[in-house]
C-alpha atoms as a PDB file:
ATOM      1  CA  MET A   1      98.348 103.524  99.377  1.00  0.00           C
ATOM      2  CA  HIS A   2      99.018 104.503 102.991  1.00  0.00           C
ATOM      3  CA  GLU A   3      97.610 107.591 104.669  1.00  0.00           C
ATOM      4  CA  ALA A   4     101.190 108.734 105.271  1.00  0.00           C
ATOM      5  CA  ASP A   5     101.544 109.009 101.465  1.00  0.00           C
ATOM      6  CA  ALA A   6      98.976 111.831 101.505  1.00  0.00           C
ATOM      7  CA  PRO A   7     100.450 114.959 103.110  1.00  0.00           C
ATOM      8  CA  PRO A   8      98.020 116.932 105.282  1.00  0.00           C
ATOM      9  CA  ALA A   9      96.731 120.191 103.850  1.00  0.00           C
ATOM     10  CA  LEU A  10      94.886 122.983 105.613  1.00  0.00           C
ATOM     11  CA  GLN A  11      91.595 124.154 104.138  1.00  0.00           C
ATOM     12  CA  ALA A  12      90.248 127.683 104.444  1.00  0.00           C
ATOM     13  CA  ASP A  13      89.085 126.466 107.852  1.00  0.00           C
ATOM     14  CA  ALA A  14      92.424 126.336 109.669  1.00  0.00           C
ATOM     15  CA  ALA A  15      90.962 124.082 112.377  1.00  0.00           C
ATOM     16  CA  VAL A  16      90.868 121.149 109.931  1.00  0.00           C
ATOM     17  CA  GLN A  17      93.673 119.264 108.198  1.00  0.00           C
ATOM     18  CA  VAL A  18      92.755 117.055 105.225  1.00  0.00           C
ATOM     19  CA  ARG A  19      94.596 114.041 103.808  1.00  0.00           C
ATOM     20  CA  ARG A  20      93.211 113.120 100.380  1.00  0.00           C
ATOM     21  CA  LEU A  21      93.294 109.363  99.774  1.00  0.00           C
ATOM     22  CA  PHE A  22      91.367 107.802  96.873  1.00  0.00           C
ATOM     23  CA  ASP A  23      89.423 110.077  94.519  1.00  0.00           C
ATOM     24  CA  GLY A  24      89.034 110.743  90.822  1.00  0.00           C
ATOM     25  CA  ALA A  25      92.691 111.729  90.495  1.00  0.00           C
ATOM     26  CA  ARG A  26      93.631 108.215  91.658  1.00  0.00           C
ATOM     27  CA  GLY A  27      91.127 106.354  89.499  1.00  0.00           C
ATOM     28  CA  CYS A  28      88.229 106.270  91.964  1.00  0.00           C
ATOM     29  CA  ASP A  29      85.358 108.204  90.402  1.00  0.00           C
ATOM     30  CA  THR A  30      82.672 106.971  92.803  1.00  0.00           C
ATOM     31  CA  PHE A  31      84.167 108.223  96.062  1.00  0.00           C
ATOM     32  CA  ASP A  32      86.420 110.824  97.626  1.00  0.00           C
ATOM     33  CA  GLN A  33      88.080 109.069 100.578  1.00  0.00           C
ATOM     34  CA  ARG A  34      89.736 111.511 102.997  1.00  0.00           C
ATOM     35  CA  ILE A  35      90.985 111.831 106.555  1.00  0.00           C
ATOM     36  CA  LEU A  36      89.809 114.943 108.397  1.00  0.00           C
ATOM     37  CA  SER A  37      91.716 115.968 111.531  1.00  0.00           C
ATOM     38  CA  PHE A  38      89.926 118.553 113.686  1.00  0.00           C
ATOM     39  CA  HIS A  39      92.199 120.401 116.094  1.00  0.00           C
ATOM     40  CA  ASP A  40      89.633 122.935 117.262  1.00  0.00           C
ATOM     41  CA  ARG A  41      86.074 124.119 116.736  1.00  0.00           C
ATOM     42  CA  SER A  42      85.374 124.079 112.999  1.00  0.00           C
ATOM     43  CA  GLN A  43      83.384 126.241 110.658  1.00  0.00           C
ATOM     44  CA  GLU A  44      80.100 124.903 109.291  1.00  0.00           C
ATOM     45  CA  ARG A  45      80.657 122.280 106.583  1.00  0.00           C
ATOM     46  CA  LEU A  46      78.195 121.777 103.729  1.00  0.00           C
ATOM     47  CA  ASP A  47      78.320 119.788 100.485  1.00  0.00           C
ATOM     48  CA  THR A  48      75.412 120.294  98.104  1.00  0.00           C
ATOM     49  CA  GLU A  49      76.445 117.587  95.625  1.00  0.00           C
ATOM     50  CA  ALA A  50      77.679 114.587  97.632  1.00  0.00           C
ATOM     51  CA  ASP A  51      76.456 112.518 100.543  1.00  0.00           C
ATOM     52  CA  GLU A  52      79.093 112.034 103.249  1.00  0.00           C
ATOM     53  CA  VAL A  53      79.775 108.906 105.310  1.00  0.00           C
ATOM     54  CA  LEU A  54      81.919 109.389 108.419  1.00  0.00           C
ATOM     55  CA  TYR A  55      83.735 107.197 110.946  1.00  0.00           C
ATOM     56  CA  VAL A  56      85.699 108.470 113.947  1.00  0.00           C
ATOM     57  CA  LEU A  57      89.168 106.915 113.879  1.00  0.00           C
ATOM     58  CA  ALA A  58      90.444 108.556 117.063  1.00  0.00           C
ATOM     59  CA  GLY A  59      89.562 111.239 119.567  1.00  0.00           C
ATOM     60  CA  GLU A  60      86.411 112.510 121.181  1.00  0.00           C
ATOM     61  CA  GLY A  61      84.314 115.640 120.936  1.00  0.00           C
ATOM     62  CA  GLU A  62      80.999 117.296 120.139  1.00  0.00           C
ATOM     63  CA  ALA A  63      79.512 117.671 116.669  1.00  0.00           C
ATOM     64  CA  THR A  64      76.393 119.428 115.451  1.00  0.00           C
ATOM     65  CA  ILE A  65      74.617 117.951 112.437  1.00  0.00           C
ATOM     66  CA  GLU A  66      71.507 119.584 111.036  1.00  0.00           C
ATOM     67  CA  GLY A  67      71.232 121.609 114.249  1.00  0.00           C
ATOM     68  CA  VAL A  68      71.361 118.497 116.484  1.00  0.00           C
ATOM     69  CA  GLU A  69      74.229 118.049 118.952  1.00  0.00           C
ATOM     70  CA  HIS A  70      75.969 114.671 119.147  1.00  0.00           C
ATOM     71  CA  ARG A  71      78.739 113.308 121.344  1.00  0.00           C
ATOM     72  CA  VAL A  72      81.199 111.442 119.110  1.00  0.00           C
ATOM     73  CA  ALA A  73      84.169 109.216 119.931  1.00  0.00           C
ATOM     74  CA  THR A  74      86.331 106.486 118.412  1.00  0.00           C
ATOM     75  CA  GLY A  75      84.044 104.089 116.532  1.00  0.00           C
ATOM     76  CA  THR A  76      81.156 106.520 115.980  1.00  0.00           C
ATOM     77  CA  ALA A  77      79.695 106.343 112.464  1.00  0.00           C
ATOM     78  CA  ALA A  78      77.555 108.996 110.795  1.00  0.00           C
ATOM     79  CA  PHE A  79      75.703 109.756 107.580  1.00  0.00           C
ATOM     80  CA  VAL A  80      75.277 113.341 106.371  1.00  0.00           C
ATOM     81  CA  ALA A  81      73.034 113.804 103.336  1.00  0.00           C
ATOM     82  CA  ARG A  82      73.975 116.301 100.636  1.00  0.00           C
ATOM     83  CA  GLY A  83      72.797 119.774 101.515  1.00  0.00           C
ATOM     84  CA  THR A  84      73.002 119.052 105.266  1.00  0.00           C
ATOM     85  CA  SER A  85      75.307 121.220 107.363  1.00  0.00           C
ATOM     86  CA  TRP A  86      77.558 119.948 110.129  1.00  0.00           C
ATOM     87  CA  SER A  87      80.425 121.147 112.289  1.00  0.00           C
ATOM     88  CA  VAL A  88      82.716 120.055 115.095  1.00  0.00           C
ATOM     89  CA  ASP A  89      82.037 122.211 118.143  1.00  0.00           C
ATOM     90  CA  GLU A  90      84.438 120.760 120.687  1.00  0.00           C
ATOM     91  CA  VAL A  91      87.583 118.649 120.609  1.00  0.00           C
ATOM     92  CA  GLU A  92      88.887 116.997 123.773  1.00  0.00           C
ATOM     93  CA  ALA A  93      92.191 118.546 124.836  1.00  0.00           C
ATOM     94  CA  GLY A  94      95.362 116.753 123.860  1.00  0.00           C
ATOM     95  CA  ASP A  95      94.394 114.856 120.691  1.00  0.00           C
ATOM     96  CA  PRO A  96      92.684 115.850 117.450  1.00  0.00           C
ATOM     97  CA  LEU A  97      89.348 114.360 116.446  1.00  0.00           C
ATOM     98  CA  THR A  98      90.335 112.218 113.445  1.00  0.00           C
ATOM     99  CA  VAL A  99      87.575 111.188 111.058  1.00  0.00           C
ATOM    100  CA  LEU A 100      87.559 109.054 107.922  1.00  0.00           C
ATOM    101  CA  SER A 101      85.250 110.777 105.444  1.00  0.00           C
ATOM    102  CA  VAL A 102      83.916 109.232 102.242  1.00  0.00           C
ATOM    103  CA  LEU A 103      82.092 111.582  99.886  1.00  0.00           C
ATOM    104  CA  VAL A 104      79.596 109.742  97.694  1.00  0.00           C
ATOM    105  CA  ARG A 105      79.387 111.385  94.280  1.00  0.00           C
ATOM    106  CA  GLU A 106      76.022 111.528  92.459  1.00  0.00           C
ATOM    107  CA  PRO A 107      74.099 109.977  95.366  1.00  0.00           C
ATOM    108  CA  GLN A 108      70.776 108.306  94.946  1.00  0.00           C
ATOM    109  CA  ALA A 109      67.541 110.007  95.963  1.00  0.00           C
ATOM    110  CA  ALA A 110      68.011 111.924  99.189  1.00  0.00           C
ATOM    111  CA  GLY A 111      67.211 110.034 102.359  1.00  0.00           C
ATOM    112  CA  ALA A 112      67.270 111.217 105.946  1.00  0.00           C
ATOM    113  CA  GLY A 113      69.204 114.401 106.646  1.00  0.00           C
ATOM    114  CA  HIS A 114      71.597 112.567 108.933  1.00  0.00           C
ATOM    115  CA  SER A 115      72.079 109.652 111.280  1.00  0.00           C
ATOM    116  CA  VAL A 116      74.645 108.831 113.973  1.00  0.00           C
ATOM    117  CA  LEU A 117      75.308 105.343 115.318  1.00  0.00           C
ATOM    118  CA  GLN A 118      77.871 103.084 116.977  1.00  0.00           C
ATOM    119  CA  PRO A 119      78.551  99.861 115.018  1.00  0.00           C
ATOM    120  CA  SER A 120      78.490  97.003 117.516  1.00  0.00           C
ATOM    121  CA  GLU A 121      81.170  94.312 117.622  1.00  0.00           C
ATOM    122  CA  ASP A 122      78.624  92.210 119.517  1.00  0.00           C
ATOM    123  CA  ALA A 123      76.213  92.179 116.553  1.00  0.00           C
ATOM    124  CA  THR A 124      78.239  90.688 113.708  1.00  0.00           C
ATOM    125  CA  HIS A 125      77.289  88.720 110.601  1.00  0.00           C
ATOM    126  CA  GLY A 126      79.188  85.955 108.834  1.00  0.00           C
ATOM    127  CA  ALA A 127      80.961  86.114 105.486  1.00  0.00           C
ATOM    128  CA  THR A 128      83.228  83.724 103.581  1.00  0.00           C
ATOM    129  CA  ALA A 129      86.502  82.279 104.938  1.00  0.00           C
ATOM    130  CA  GLY A 130      85.567  82.980 108.549  1.00  0.00           C
ATOM    131  CA  ARG A 131      85.187  86.714 108.016  1.00  0.00           C
ATOM    132  CA  ARG A 132      82.657  88.639 110.077  1.00  0.00           C
ATOM    133  CA  PHE A 133      81.329  92.176 109.882  1.00  0.00           C
ATOM    134  CA  SER A 134      79.195  94.715 111.723  1.00  0.00           C
ATOM    135  CA  LEU A 135      77.125  97.259 109.831  1.00  0.00           C
ATOM    136  CA  GLY A 136      77.456 101.008 110.114  1.00  0.00           C
ATOM    137  CA  VAL A 137      75.712 103.418 107.747  1.00  0.00           C
ATOM    138  CA  THR A 138      73.228 101.640 105.454  1.00  0.00           C
ATOM    139  CA  PRO A 139      70.026 102.436 103.548  1.00  0.00           C
ATOM    140  CA  GLU A 140      68.130 101.452 106.708  1.00  0.00           C
ATOM    141  CA  VAL A 141      69.470 104.563 108.454  1.00  0.00           C
ATOM    142  CA  GLY A 142      68.792 106.869 105.514  1.00  0.00           C
ATOM    143  CA  CYS A 143      71.793 106.467 103.177  1.00  0.00           C
ATOM    144  CA  ALA A 144      70.400 104.995  99.959  1.00  0.00           C
ATOM    145  CA  SER A 145      73.667 104.882  98.016  1.00  0.00           C
ATOM    146  CA  VAL A 146      76.198 102.917 100.079  1.00  0.00           C
ATOM    147  CA  THR A 147      76.874 100.408 102.831  1.00  0.00           C
ATOM    148  CA  GLN A 148      79.512 101.087 105.480  1.00  0.00           C
ATOM    149  CA  PHE A 149      80.840  98.227 107.603  1.00  0.00           C
ATOM    150  CA  VAL A 150      83.606  97.172 109.973  1.00  0.00           C
ATOM    151  CA  GLY A 151      85.107  93.834 108.907  1.00  0.00           C
ATOM    152  CA  PHE A 152      86.866  91.369 111.213  1.00  0.00           C
ATOM    153  CA  ILE A 153      89.360  89.197 109.328  1.00  0.00           C
ATOM    154  CA  PRO A 154      90.932  86.164 111.023  1.00  0.00           C
ATOM    155  CA  VAL A 155      94.513  85.076 110.419  1.00  0.00           C
ATOM    156  CA  GLY A 156      94.836  83.404 107.008  1.00  0.00           C
ATOM    157  CA  ARG A 157      94.156  84.045 103.343  1.00  0.00           C
ATOM    158  CA  ALA A 158      90.759  84.290 101.682  1.00  0.00           C
ATOM    159  CA  PRO A 159      90.144  82.603  98.320  1.00  0.00           C
ATOM    160  CA  ASP A 160      90.323  84.745  95.188  1.00  0.00           C
ATOM    161  CA  HIS A 161      86.986  86.477  94.608  1.00  0.00           C
ATOM    162  CA  TYR A 162      85.352  89.643  93.318  1.00  0.00           C
ATOM    163  CA  HIS A 163      82.411  91.864  94.175  1.00  0.00           C
ATOM    164  CA  ARG A 164      79.822  93.560  92.013  1.00  0.00           C
ATOM    165  CA  TYR A 165      80.220  96.750  94.004  1.00  0.00           C
ATOM    166  CA  ASP A 166      82.880  99.477  94.011  1.00  0.00           C
ATOM    167  CA  GLU A 167      84.637  99.698  97.385  1.00  0.00           C
ATOM    168  CA  VAL A 168      87.145 101.736  99.354  1.00  0.00           C
ATOM    169  CA  VAL A 169      88.769 100.117 102.392  1.00  0.00           C
ATOM    170  CA  TYR A 170      90.760 101.543 105.298  1.00  0.00           C
ATOM    171  CA  VAL A 171      92.752  99.255 107.606  1.00  0.00           C
ATOM    172  CA  LEU A 172      91.913 100.087 111.214  1.00  0.00           C
ATOM    173  CA  GLU A 173      94.121  97.483 112.865  1.00  0.00           C
ATOM    174  CA  GLY A 174      96.353  94.555 111.910  1.00  0.00           C
ATOM    175  CA  ASP A 175      98.819  93.453 109.262  1.00  0.00           C
ATOM    176  CA  GLY A 176      98.312  91.679 105.983  1.00  0.00           C
ATOM    177  CA  VAL A 177      98.687  91.562 102.226  1.00  0.00           C
ATOM    178  CA  VAL A 178      96.222  92.340  99.442  1.00  0.00           C
ATOM    179  CA  TYR A 179      96.566  90.452  96.136  1.00  0.00           C
ATOM    180  CA  ALA A 180      95.055  91.756  92.877  1.00  0.00           C
ATOM    181  CA  ALA A 181      95.844  91.778  89.159  1.00  0.00           C
ATOM    182  CA  GLY A 182      98.989  89.696  89.648  1.00  0.00           C
ATOM    183  CA  GLU A 183     100.433  92.100  92.194  1.00  0.00           C
ATOM    184  CA  LYS A 184     100.488  92.328  95.973  1.00  0.00           C
ATOM    185  CA  ALA A 185     100.818  95.100  98.525  1.00  0.00           C
ATOM    186  CA  VAL A 186     101.536  95.025 102.235  1.00  0.00           C
ATOM    187  CA  LEU A 187      98.792  96.312 104.524  1.00  0.00           C
ATOM    188  CA  GLU A 188      98.984  97.830 107.991  1.00  0.00           C
ATOM    189  CA  ALA A 189      96.947 100.251 110.079  1.00  0.00           C
ATOM    190  CA  GLY A 190      96.382 103.324 107.911  1.00  0.00           C
ATOM    191  CA  SER A 191      96.586 101.461 104.591  1.00  0.00           C
ATOM    192  CA  CYS A 192      93.880 102.257 102.040  1.00  0.00           C
ATOM    193  CA  VAL A 193      92.625 100.084  99.172  1.00  0.00           C
ATOM    194  CA  HIS A 194      90.321 100.809  96.226  1.00  0.00           C
ATOM    195  CA  LEU A 195      88.610  97.721  94.801  1.00  0.00           C
ATOM    196  CA  PRO A 196      86.693  98.457  91.584  1.00  0.00           C
ATOM    197  CA  ALA A 197      83.691  96.245  90.831  1.00  0.00           C
ATOM    198  CA  GLY A 198      84.719  92.992  89.167  1.00  0.00           C
ATOM    199  CA  LEU A 199      88.379  93.090  90.246  1.00  0.00           C
ATOM    200  CA  VAL A 200      89.507  89.606  91.351  1.00  0.00           C
ATOM    201  CA  HIS A 201      91.424  89.939  94.586  1.00  0.00           C
ATOM    202  CA  CYS A 202      91.993  88.436  98.005  1.00  0.00           C
ATOM    203  CA  LEU A 203      93.244  89.610 101.361  1.00  0.00           C
ATOM    204  CA  GLU A 204      95.554  87.737 103.674  1.00  0.00           C
ATOM    205  CA  ASN A 205      95.806  88.483 107.383  1.00  0.00           C
ATOM    206  CA  THR A 206      99.410  87.706 108.267  1.00  0.00           C
ATOM    207  CA  GLY A 207      98.612  87.835 111.979  1.00  0.00           C
ATOM    208  CA  PRO A 208      99.072  87.447 114.786  1.00  0.00           C
ATOM    209  CA  SER A 209      95.544  88.657 115.612  1.00  0.00           C
ATOM    210  CA  VAL A 210      92.289  89.690 113.955  1.00  0.00           C
ATOM    211  CA  MET A 211      92.555  92.440 111.357  1.00  0.00           C
ATOM    212  CA  ARG A 212      89.890  95.159 111.414  1.00  0.00           C
ATOM    213  CA  VAL A 213      88.990  97.093 108.278  1.00  0.00           C
ATOM    214  CA  LEU A 214      86.469  99.811 107.489  1.00  0.00           C
ATOM    215  CA  GLY A 215      84.733  99.453 104.137  1.00  0.00           C
ATOM    216  CA  VAL A 216      82.312 101.633 102.164  1.00  0.00           C
ATOM    217  CA  PHE A 217      80.825 100.273  98.957  1.00  0.00           C
ATOM    218  CA  ARG A 218      78.287 101.102  96.262  1.00  0.00           C
ATOM    219  CA  PRO A 219      75.697  99.974  95.373  1.00  0.00           C
ATOM    220  CA  ALA A 220      74.531  99.217  98.893  1.00  0.00           C
ATOM    221  CA  GLY A 221      74.031  95.594  99.882  1.00  0.00           C
ATOM    222  CA  SER A 222      75.616  92.873 101.961  1.00  0.00           C
ATOM    223  CA  PRO A 223      79.390  92.839 102.564  1.00  0.00           C
ATOM    224  CA  ALA A 224      79.116  89.040 102.377  1.00  0.00           C
ATOM    225  CA  GLU A 225      78.136  89.083  98.699  1.00  0.00           C
ATOM    226  CA  ALA A 226      81.103  87.781  96.714  1.00  0.00           C
ATOM    227  CA  TYR A 227      81.848  85.676  93.646  1.00  0.00           C
ATOM    228  CA  TYR A 228      84.679  83.320  92.754  1.00  0.00           C
ATOM    229  CA  PRO A 229      86.604  84.024  89.525  1.00  0.00           C
ATOM    230  CA  ASP A 230      84.369  81.616  87.552  1.00  0.00           C
ATOM    231  CA  GLY A 231      81.286  83.603  88.626  1.00  0.00           C
ATOM    232  CA  THR A 232      80.073  81.091  91.213  1.00  0.00           C
ATOM    233  CA  PRO A 233      78.589  82.839  94.252  1.00  0.00           C
ATOM    234  CA  ALA A 234      80.654  82.397  97.390  1.00  0.00           C
ATOM    235  CA  VAL A 235      78.676  80.497  99.987  1.00  0.00           C
ATOM    236  CA  VAL A 236      78.343  82.118 103.396  1.00  0.00           C
ATOM    237  CA  PRO A 237      78.232  79.585 106.238  1.00  0.00           C
ATOM    238  CA  ASP A 238      75.111  79.414 108.367  1.00  0.00           C
ATOM    239  CA  GLU A 239      75.079  81.798 111.326  1.00  0.00           C
END
């Protein structure tokens, strides 16, 4: 689906608009993938049942998580454990603070209350077919349930493969096509994909430049872990 397919809806907190992407109503029971657009100072937000993994898509502002103030901007990633409160305190004039939120249902044992970081494009790791990725939220920063990453996909088509994890993907930049179950769908910035564990698929970057995607998957692990349709592990080239 594309984010434009999900009309924005105001919550009780009128400062926030929500676009609901993949969730249980669309066959994704593991995650609730949403876009939150903050137009002003928000009320305190608190989820007692789900961990939340965040990534700033656009904008800049101030957020308070667990009583700690953080400056956030495009590319900032954050983990908020269930039962941890957070709010947006300031939004830079002119543009909303737009955040991709993934709620993780039935999270594993609670880790750190929260963490905030900036995934680095200078610290990437290799995957199959020339793909590379940088890590965001992981168990190492307190989130036991999932791995969040930014993937960098060169022009071309990956071989058919599958993962043993359940994943939601958001296209940050670029154009391409995803192939799965005998069907294909065009991808562009704002496209969203749900890849259940075991689904054979592949992604083609139709160019002309590198495609960037944001992925969150469970159980946590390496984004490079993949298997060909016959079950053979995909081999990652040496760094």
